[in-house]
N, C-alpha and C. Protein backbone atom coordinates (compact mmCIF):
# COMPACT_ATOMS: atom_id res chain seq x y z
N MET A 1 4.66 8.21 59.85
CA MET A 1 5.80 8.41 60.72
C MET A 1 6.61 9.58 60.15
N ASN A 2 6.92 10.53 61.02
CA ASN A 2 7.67 11.69 60.55
C ASN A 2 9.18 11.42 60.53
N GLN A 3 9.93 12.34 59.95
CA GLN A 3 11.38 12.17 59.77
C GLN A 3 12.11 12.05 61.12
N ARG A 4 11.65 12.79 62.10
CA ARG A 4 12.29 12.74 63.42
C ARG A 4 12.15 11.35 64.05
N GLU A 5 10.94 10.78 63.93
CA GLU A 5 10.72 9.43 64.46
C GLU A 5 11.56 8.40 63.69
N LYS A 6 11.59 8.54 62.38
CA LYS A 6 12.40 7.63 61.56
C LYS A 6 13.87 7.68 61.98
N ALA A 7 14.38 8.87 62.19
CA ALA A 7 15.78 9.03 62.59
C ALA A 7 16.02 8.39 63.97
N ARG A 8 15.05 8.53 64.85
CA ARG A 8 15.19 7.95 66.19
C ARG A 8 15.21 6.43 66.12
N TYR A 9 14.30 5.85 65.35
CA TYR A 9 14.26 4.39 65.21
C TYR A 9 15.51 3.87 64.49
N LYS A 10 15.98 4.62 63.52
CA LYS A 10 17.20 4.22 62.82
C LYS A 10 18.38 4.20 63.79
N LYS A 11 18.46 5.19 64.67
CA LYS A 11 19.53 5.22 65.66
C LYS A 11 19.40 4.03 66.62
N LEU A 12 18.19 3.73 67.06
CA LEU A 12 17.97 2.56 67.92
C LEU A 12 18.47 1.28 67.25
N LEU A 13 18.08 1.12 65.99
CA LEU A 13 18.47 -0.08 65.24
C LEU A 13 19.98 -0.14 65.02
N LEU A 14 20.58 0.97 64.65
CA LEU A 14 22.03 0.98 64.41
C LEU A 14 22.82 0.76 65.69
N ASP A 15 22.34 1.33 66.80
CA ASP A 15 23.02 1.10 68.08
C ASP A 15 22.95 -0.37 68.48
N LYS A 16 21.78 -0.98 68.32
CA LYS A 16 21.62 -2.40 68.65
C LYS A 16 22.47 -3.25 67.71
N ARG A 17 22.54 -2.87 66.46
CA ARG A 17 23.35 -3.60 65.48
C ARG A 17 24.83 -3.57 65.88
N MET A 18 25.31 -2.39 66.27
CA MET A 18 26.72 -2.27 66.67
C MET A 18 26.99 -3.08 67.94
N GLU A 19 26.06 -3.06 68.87
CA GLU A 19 26.21 -3.85 70.09
C GLU A 19 26.32 -5.34 69.77
N LEU A 20 25.46 -5.81 68.87
CA LEU A 20 25.50 -7.23 68.48
C LEU A 20 26.80 -7.58 67.77
N LEU A 21 27.25 -6.71 66.87
CA LEU A 21 28.52 -6.97 66.17
C LEU A 21 29.68 -7.03 67.14
N ASN A 22 29.68 -6.17 68.14
CA ASN A 22 30.74 -6.19 69.15
C ASN A 22 30.70 -7.48 69.97
N GLN A 23 29.50 -7.91 70.35
CA GLN A 23 29.35 -9.16 71.09
C GLN A 23 29.84 -10.35 70.26
N MET A 24 29.46 -10.36 69.00
CA MET A 24 29.86 -11.47 68.14
C MET A 24 31.37 -11.47 67.91
N ALA A 25 31.96 -10.31 67.77
CA ALA A 25 33.41 -10.22 67.60
C ALA A 25 34.12 -10.71 68.86
N PHE A 26 33.59 -10.36 70.02
CA PHE A 26 34.19 -10.81 71.27
C PHE A 26 34.16 -12.33 71.37
N ILE A 27 33.00 -12.90 71.07
CA ILE A 27 32.88 -14.36 71.13
C ILE A 27 33.84 -15.01 70.16
N LYS A 28 33.93 -14.46 68.96
CA LYS A 28 34.83 -15.03 67.96
C LYS A 28 36.28 -14.93 68.41
N ASP A 29 36.69 -13.76 68.86
CA ASP A 29 38.08 -13.54 69.22
C ASP A 29 38.49 -14.29 70.48
N VAL A 30 37.67 -14.26 71.49
CA VAL A 30 38.07 -14.81 72.78
C VAL A 30 37.70 -16.27 72.95
N GLU A 31 36.52 -16.62 72.53
CA GLU A 31 36.02 -17.96 72.83
C GLU A 31 36.23 -18.98 71.73
N MET A 32 36.01 -18.59 70.49
CA MET A 32 35.94 -19.58 69.42
C MET A 32 37.30 -19.89 68.79
N GLU A 33 38.26 -19.00 68.91
CA GLU A 33 39.52 -19.23 68.22
C GLU A 33 40.62 -19.77 69.13
N SER A 34 40.26 -20.11 70.35
CA SER A 34 41.27 -20.67 71.25
C SER A 34 40.93 -22.12 71.53
N THR A 35 41.93 -22.88 71.92
CA THR A 35 41.72 -24.27 72.29
C THR A 35 41.17 -24.31 73.71
N ASN A 36 40.70 -25.47 74.12
CA ASN A 36 40.21 -25.61 75.49
C ASN A 36 41.28 -25.21 76.49
N ARG A 37 42.50 -25.65 76.27
CA ARG A 37 43.58 -25.35 77.19
C ARG A 37 43.87 -23.85 77.23
N GLU A 38 43.90 -23.19 76.06
CA GLU A 38 44.18 -21.76 76.03
C GLU A 38 43.05 -20.96 76.66
N SER A 39 41.82 -21.38 76.42
CA SER A 39 40.68 -20.62 76.97
C SER A 39 40.62 -20.72 78.48
N SER A 40 41.15 -21.79 79.05
CA SER A 40 41.15 -21.93 80.51
C SER A 40 42.33 -21.22 81.14
N GLY A 41 43.29 -20.80 80.34
CA GLY A 41 44.48 -20.16 80.87
C GLY A 41 45.55 -21.15 81.29
N ASP A 42 45.34 -22.41 81.00
CA ASP A 42 46.29 -23.45 81.39
C ASP A 42 47.28 -23.67 80.25
N HIS A 43 48.53 -23.42 80.52
CA HIS A 43 49.57 -23.62 79.51
C HIS A 43 50.56 -24.70 79.95
N SER A 44 50.16 -25.50 80.95
CA SER A 44 51.04 -26.54 81.45
C SER A 44 50.96 -27.77 80.55
N ALA A 45 51.86 -28.69 80.78
CA ALA A 45 51.90 -29.91 79.98
C ALA A 45 51.01 -30.99 80.57
N TYR A 46 50.38 -30.73 81.70
CA TYR A 46 49.54 -31.73 82.35
C TYR A 46 48.17 -31.82 81.68
N ALA A 47 47.59 -33.01 81.75
CA ALA A 47 46.28 -33.23 81.13
C ALA A 47 45.18 -32.54 81.95
N PHE A 48 44.11 -32.21 81.26
CA PHE A 48 42.94 -31.64 81.92
C PHE A 48 42.17 -32.71 82.66
N HIS A 49 41.47 -32.29 83.67
CA HIS A 49 40.51 -33.17 84.32
C HIS A 49 39.27 -33.22 83.43
N MET A 50 38.65 -34.36 83.32
CA MET A 50 37.51 -34.51 82.42
C MET A 50 36.37 -33.55 82.77
N ALA A 51 36.14 -33.30 84.05
CA ALA A 51 35.07 -32.38 84.45
C ALA A 51 35.38 -30.97 83.97
N ASP A 52 36.65 -30.57 84.05
CA ASP A 52 37.04 -29.24 83.56
C ASP A 52 36.82 -29.15 82.06
N GLN A 53 37.18 -30.20 81.35
CA GLN A 53 36.98 -30.21 79.91
C GLN A 53 35.49 -30.12 79.57
N GLY A 54 34.67 -30.83 80.32
CA GLY A 54 33.23 -30.79 80.08
C GLY A 54 32.66 -29.40 80.33
N THR A 55 33.11 -28.77 81.39
CA THR A 55 32.65 -27.41 81.70
C THR A 55 33.08 -26.44 80.61
N ASP A 56 34.33 -26.55 80.18
CA ASP A 56 34.83 -25.68 79.12
C ASP A 56 34.06 -25.90 77.81
N THR A 57 33.80 -27.14 77.49
CA THR A 57 33.06 -27.45 76.27
C THR A 57 31.64 -26.91 76.34
N MET A 58 31.01 -27.06 77.51
CA MET A 58 29.65 -26.54 77.67
C MET A 58 29.63 -25.02 77.52
N GLN A 59 30.64 -24.35 78.08
CA GLN A 59 30.71 -22.89 77.96
C GLN A 59 30.91 -22.46 76.51
N ARG A 60 31.75 -23.18 75.79
CA ARG A 60 31.97 -22.86 74.38
C ARG A 60 30.70 -23.09 73.56
N GLU A 61 29.98 -24.17 73.85
CA GLU A 61 28.72 -24.42 73.14
C GLU A 61 27.69 -23.34 73.44
N LYS A 62 27.65 -22.90 74.69
CA LYS A 62 26.72 -21.84 75.07
C LYS A 62 27.07 -20.55 74.32
N ASN A 63 28.35 -20.24 74.23
CA ASN A 63 28.77 -19.05 73.49
C ASN A 63 28.45 -19.16 72.01
N PHE A 64 28.59 -20.36 71.45
CA PHE A 64 28.22 -20.58 70.06
C PHE A 64 26.73 -20.36 69.86
N PHE A 65 25.92 -20.85 70.80
CA PHE A 65 24.47 -20.62 70.75
C PHE A 65 24.17 -19.12 70.77
N TYR A 66 24.83 -18.37 71.66
CA TYR A 66 24.62 -16.93 71.74
C TYR A 66 25.01 -16.25 70.42
N ALA A 67 26.09 -16.69 69.82
CA ALA A 67 26.51 -16.10 68.55
C ALA A 67 25.47 -16.38 67.46
N GLN A 68 24.91 -17.58 67.44
CA GLN A 68 23.86 -17.90 66.47
C GLN A 68 22.63 -17.04 66.69
N ARG A 69 22.24 -16.91 67.96
CA ARG A 69 21.07 -16.08 68.29
C ARG A 69 21.31 -14.63 67.88
N ASP A 70 22.51 -14.12 68.17
CA ASP A 70 22.84 -12.75 67.79
C ASP A 70 22.84 -12.59 66.28
N GLY A 71 23.29 -13.61 65.56
CA GLY A 71 23.28 -13.57 64.10
C GLY A 71 21.87 -13.46 63.54
N ARG A 72 20.93 -14.21 64.14
CA ARG A 72 19.53 -14.12 63.70
C ARG A 72 18.96 -12.74 64.01
N LEU A 73 19.27 -12.22 65.19
CA LEU A 73 18.78 -10.89 65.55
C LEU A 73 19.38 -9.83 64.63
N LEU A 74 20.64 -9.99 64.28
CA LEU A 74 21.29 -9.07 63.35
C LEU A 74 20.58 -9.07 62.00
N TYR A 75 20.19 -10.24 61.53
CA TYR A 75 19.43 -10.36 60.28
C TYR A 75 18.12 -9.56 60.37
N HIS A 76 17.40 -9.72 61.48
CA HIS A 76 16.13 -9.01 61.65
C HIS A 76 16.33 -7.50 61.74
N ILE A 77 17.41 -7.08 62.35
CA ILE A 77 17.70 -5.64 62.42
C ILE A 77 18.02 -5.11 61.03
N ASP A 78 18.81 -5.85 60.27
CA ASP A 78 19.11 -5.43 58.89
C ASP A 78 17.85 -5.34 58.05
N GLN A 79 16.92 -6.28 58.25
CA GLN A 79 15.64 -6.24 57.53
C GLN A 79 14.85 -4.99 57.93
N ALA A 80 14.86 -4.65 59.22
CA ALA A 80 14.15 -3.46 59.69
C ALA A 80 14.77 -2.19 59.09
N LEU A 81 16.09 -2.16 58.98
CA LEU A 81 16.75 -1.00 58.37
C LEU A 81 16.36 -0.87 56.90
N GLU A 82 16.23 -2.00 56.21
CA GLU A 82 15.77 -1.98 54.81
C GLU A 82 14.35 -1.44 54.72
N ARG A 83 13.48 -1.89 55.63
CA ARG A 83 12.10 -1.40 55.64
C ARG A 83 12.07 0.10 55.90
N LEU A 84 12.96 0.57 56.73
CA LEU A 84 13.05 2.00 57.03
C LEU A 84 13.43 2.76 55.76
N ASP A 85 14.42 2.25 55.03
CA ASP A 85 14.84 2.89 53.77
C ASP A 85 13.74 2.85 52.71
N GLU A 86 12.96 1.78 52.71
CA GLU A 86 11.88 1.63 51.72
C GLU A 86 10.62 2.40 52.09
N GLY A 87 10.57 2.94 53.31
CA GLY A 87 9.41 3.70 53.75
C GLY A 87 8.26 2.87 54.28
N VAL A 88 8.50 1.58 54.59
CA VAL A 88 7.44 0.73 55.12
C VAL A 88 7.71 0.30 56.56
N TYR A 89 8.72 0.90 57.16
CA TYR A 89 9.03 0.58 58.56
C TYR A 89 7.87 1.05 59.44
N GLY A 90 7.53 0.22 60.42
CA GLY A 90 6.46 0.57 61.34
C GLY A 90 5.09 0.11 60.88
N LEU A 91 5.02 -0.50 59.70
CA LEU A 91 3.76 -1.07 59.22
C LEU A 91 3.82 -2.58 59.39
N CYS A 92 2.73 -3.15 59.87
CA CYS A 92 2.66 -4.59 60.08
C CYS A 92 2.77 -5.31 58.75
N HIS A 93 3.63 -6.30 58.71
CA HIS A 93 3.86 -7.09 57.51
C HIS A 93 2.61 -7.88 57.10
N SER A 94 1.77 -8.19 58.09
CA SER A 94 0.59 -9.01 57.82
C SER A 94 -0.65 -8.18 57.49
N CYS A 95 -1.01 -7.24 58.37
CA CYS A 95 -2.27 -6.50 58.18
C CYS A 95 -2.07 -5.10 57.61
N GLN A 96 -0.82 -4.67 57.45
CA GLN A 96 -0.46 -3.36 56.89
C GLN A 96 -0.88 -2.17 57.77
N GLN A 97 -1.29 -2.43 59.00
CA GLN A 97 -1.64 -1.36 59.93
C GLN A 97 -0.39 -0.91 60.67
N PRO A 98 -0.37 0.34 61.17
CA PRO A 98 0.81 0.81 61.92
C PRO A 98 1.04 -0.03 63.17
N ILE A 99 2.30 -0.32 63.43
CA ILE A 99 2.69 -1.02 64.65
C ILE A 99 2.74 0.02 65.76
N ASN A 100 2.21 -0.35 66.91
CA ASN A 100 2.17 0.53 68.07
C ASN A 100 3.57 1.04 68.41
N LYS A 101 3.69 2.32 68.70
CA LYS A 101 5.00 2.92 68.98
C LYS A 101 5.67 2.31 70.20
N GLU A 102 4.88 1.92 71.20
CA GLU A 102 5.46 1.28 72.38
C GLU A 102 6.11 -0.05 72.00
N ARG A 103 5.48 -0.76 71.07
CA ARG A 103 6.06 -2.04 70.60
C ARG A 103 7.37 -1.77 69.86
N LEU A 104 7.38 -0.75 69.01
CA LEU A 104 8.60 -0.42 68.27
C LEU A 104 9.72 0.04 69.20
N GLU A 105 9.36 0.69 70.29
CA GLU A 105 10.37 1.09 71.28
C GLU A 105 11.00 -0.15 71.92
N ALA A 106 10.15 -1.11 72.26
CA ALA A 106 10.63 -2.32 72.94
C ALA A 106 11.33 -3.27 71.98
N VAL A 107 10.78 -3.39 70.76
CA VAL A 107 11.32 -4.32 69.75
C VAL A 107 11.42 -3.54 68.43
N PRO A 108 12.48 -2.74 68.27
CA PRO A 108 12.55 -1.88 67.08
C PRO A 108 12.61 -2.63 65.76
N HIS A 109 12.94 -3.91 65.78
CA HIS A 109 12.99 -4.70 64.55
C HIS A 109 11.67 -5.44 64.28
N ALA A 110 10.63 -5.15 65.07
CA ALA A 110 9.34 -5.83 64.92
C ALA A 110 8.80 -5.65 63.51
N ARG A 111 8.28 -6.74 62.95
CA ARG A 111 7.67 -6.69 61.62
C ARG A 111 6.17 -6.92 61.68
N LEU A 112 5.67 -7.30 62.87
CA LEU A 112 4.25 -7.55 63.05
C LEU A 112 3.71 -6.73 64.22
N CYS A 113 2.46 -6.30 64.09
CA CYS A 113 1.79 -5.64 65.22
C CYS A 113 1.54 -6.70 66.29
N ILE A 114 1.18 -6.27 67.46
CA ILE A 114 1.01 -7.20 68.57
C ILE A 114 -0.11 -8.21 68.31
N GLN A 115 -1.18 -7.78 67.65
CA GLN A 115 -2.29 -8.70 67.36
C GLN A 115 -1.85 -9.79 66.38
N CYS A 116 -1.17 -9.40 65.31
CA CYS A 116 -0.72 -10.39 64.32
C CYS A 116 0.37 -11.29 64.90
N LYS A 117 1.24 -10.75 65.74
CA LYS A 117 2.27 -11.55 66.38
C LYS A 117 1.64 -12.57 67.32
N SER A 118 0.64 -12.15 68.07
CA SER A 118 -0.07 -13.08 68.96
C SER A 118 -0.73 -14.19 68.17
N ARG A 119 -1.35 -13.82 67.04
CA ARG A 119 -2.00 -14.81 66.18
C ARG A 119 -0.96 -15.78 65.62
N GLU A 120 0.20 -15.28 65.19
CA GLU A 120 1.26 -16.13 64.66
C GLU A 120 1.75 -17.11 65.72
N GLU A 121 1.95 -16.64 66.94
CA GLU A 121 2.41 -17.52 68.01
C GLU A 121 1.35 -18.56 68.38
N GLU A 122 0.09 -18.15 68.36
CA GLU A 122 -1.00 -19.08 68.64
C GLU A 122 -1.04 -20.19 67.60
N LEU A 123 -0.88 -19.83 66.32
CA LEU A 123 -0.86 -20.84 65.26
C LEU A 123 0.31 -21.79 65.43
N LYS A 124 1.45 -21.26 65.81
CA LYS A 124 2.63 -22.11 66.01
C LYS A 124 2.40 -23.08 67.16
N ILE A 125 1.80 -22.60 68.25
CA ILE A 125 1.50 -23.48 69.38
C ILE A 125 0.54 -24.58 68.96
N ASN A 126 -0.48 -24.23 68.19
CA ASN A 126 -1.45 -25.23 67.71
C ASN A 126 -0.77 -26.25 66.80
N GLU A 127 0.13 -25.80 65.92
CA GLU A 127 0.84 -26.72 65.04
C GLU A 127 1.74 -27.66 65.85
N ASP A 128 2.41 -27.12 66.85
CA ASP A 128 3.28 -27.94 67.70
C ASP A 128 2.46 -28.99 68.46
N GLN A 129 1.28 -28.60 68.92
CA GLN A 129 0.42 -29.55 69.63
C GLN A 129 -0.06 -30.66 68.71
N LYS A 130 -0.38 -30.29 67.46
CA LYS A 130 -0.81 -31.31 66.49
C LYS A 130 0.31 -32.31 66.21
N GLU A 131 1.55 -31.79 66.10
CA GLU A 131 2.70 -32.69 65.87
C GLU A 131 2.89 -33.63 67.06
N GLU A 132 2.71 -33.12 68.27
CA GLU A 132 2.86 -33.96 69.45
C GLU A 132 1.78 -35.03 69.51
N ASP A 133 0.57 -34.68 69.06
CA ASP A 133 -0.54 -35.63 69.07
C ASP A 133 -0.44 -36.63 67.93
N GLY A 134 0.45 -36.41 66.98
CA GLY A 134 0.63 -37.31 65.87
C GLY A 134 -0.32 -37.08 64.71
N HIS A 135 -0.86 -35.88 64.60
CA HIS A 135 -1.81 -35.58 63.52
C HIS A 135 -1.13 -34.89 62.41
């Protein structure tokens, strides 16, 4: 991989990283630090309807899930940036072969080539099926 390609992938990763950090900050500032009443915009002294409280709670849980997912993706992006600095970015972690450029465009934090990723997912599906069968 030449320097121009490395710079392009680094920009992709850093842009995605900044986007994730902004999303996480928004969730933290707007959703997670307010009470149910504040998040709904209700500042009256009257009690909430239980359905409204349930909807608000479900929305907060969904936002928490998104923040967790973004945190995991942020970790993978940071790992990809480290691989870029170490000079091993774009090489499959499993077979050491170059990862297809189209895959890196779509998933710049990819650590496995498409063949190894498919094999990993297949193994996971087989393990899940064995657990369901009780083996």
